[in-house]
Amino acid sequence: MERFMLRLFSYKVHKVTLQTWAEIYTKQWDYYADCHNLHNFTEQENISMRKFTTDSYTRFRQIYDIVDALALNFESH
């Protein structure tokens, strides 16, 4: 029945990947840091991961490097 409904409404279903979770959590981190004003408690003054700054991009890429390493090393799961 589920397959029939998906075909009927032409839904496109995709798998949730590790990168999807990384995006979700980095967005949540930025929201949390902004709401609780965590930027004032650090030396960097900007601890975001998804802003358009060099530091933010570097942190975001580090998270993705870790996620990629976990995906390649199946024994770590």
Protein backbone atom coordinates (compact mmCIF):
# COMPACT_ATOMS: atom_id res chain seq x y z
CA MET A 1 0.00 0.00 0.00
CA GLU A 2 2.85 2.40 0.80
CA ARG A 3 4.43 1.80 -2.60
CA PHE A 4 1.09 2.41 -4.27
CA MET A 5 0.65 5.72 -2.44
CA LEU A 6 4.17 6.83 -3.29
CA ARG A 7 3.65 6.06 -6.97
CA LEU A 8 0.21 7.64 -6.97
CA PHE A 9 1.46 10.98 -5.66
CA SER A 10 4.87 10.76 -7.42
CA TYR A 11 6.81 11.20 -4.21
CA LYS A 12 10.54 11.14 -4.47
CA VAL A 13 12.08 9.33 -1.50
CA HIS A 14 15.77 9.57 -0.76
CA LYS A 15 17.97 8.04 1.89
CA VAL A 16 19.13 10.14 4.78
CA THR A 17 22.93 10.16 4.64
CA LEU A 18 25.61 11.10 7.13
CA GLN A 19 26.01 14.39 5.28
CA THR A 20 22.32 15.11 5.78
CA TRP A 21 22.72 14.62 9.53
CA ALA A 22 25.83 16.81 9.53
CA GLU A 23 23.86 19.60 7.85
CA ILE A 24 20.99 19.25 10.30
CA TYR A 25 23.26 19.35 13.36
CA THR A 26 25.39 22.24 12.11
CA LYS A 27 22.27 24.29 11.44
CA GLN A 28 20.99 23.45 14.92
CA TRP A 29 24.35 24.41 16.42
CA ASP A 30 24.26 27.83 14.74
CA TYR A 31 20.71 28.41 15.94
CA TYR A 32 21.64 27.35 19.50
CA ALA A 33 24.77 29.53 19.53
CA ASP A 34 22.79 32.54 18.31
CA CYS A 35 19.91 32.05 20.75
CA HIS A 36 22.16 31.61 23.78
CA ASN A 37 24.66 34.25 22.69
CA LEU A 38 27.59 31.83 22.90
CA HIS A 39 29.66 34.05 20.60
CA ASN A 40 30.42 36.38 23.51
CA PHE A 41 31.96 33.59 25.60
CA THR A 42 34.68 32.58 23.16
CA GLU A 43 37.89 34.17 22.00
CA GLN A 44 36.90 33.88 18.33
CA GLU A 45 33.61 35.79 18.71
CA ASN A 46 32.13 33.65 15.96
CA ILE A 47 31.62 29.96 16.58
CA SER A 48 29.15 29.37 13.76
CA MET A 49 29.57 26.63 11.21
CA ARG A 50 27.32 27.81 8.41
CA LYS A 51 28.08 31.51 8.10
CA PHE A 52 29.94 32.98 5.13
CA THR A 53 33.28 33.45 6.86
CA THR A 54 36.61 31.68 6.51
CA ASP A 55 36.60 30.38 10.10
CA SER A 56 33.05 29.13 9.78
CA TYR A 57 33.81 27.35 6.52
CA THR A 58 36.92 25.76 8.02
CA ARG A 59 34.89 24.34 10.93
CA PHE A 60 32.20 23.12 8.55
CA ARG A 61 34.78 21.34 6.36
CA GLN A 62 36.36 19.73 9.43
CA ILE A 63 32.98 18.29 10.39
CA TYR A 64 32.53 16.94 6.88
CA ASP A 65 36.03 15.43 6.93
CA ILE A 66 35.16 13.57 10.12
CA VAL A 67 31.85 12.39 8.66
CA ASP A 68 33.61 11.18 5.50
CA ALA A 69 36.22 9.33 7.56
CA LEU A 70 33.45 7.63 9.56
CA ALA A 71 31.66 6.62 6.38
CA LEU A 72 34.84 5.07 4.96
CA ASN A 73 35.73 3.19 8.15
CA PHE A 74 32.87 0.75 8.68
CA GLU A 75 34.41 -0.69 11.83
CA SER A 76 33.89 2.62 13.63
CA HIS A 77 30.09 2.37 13.43
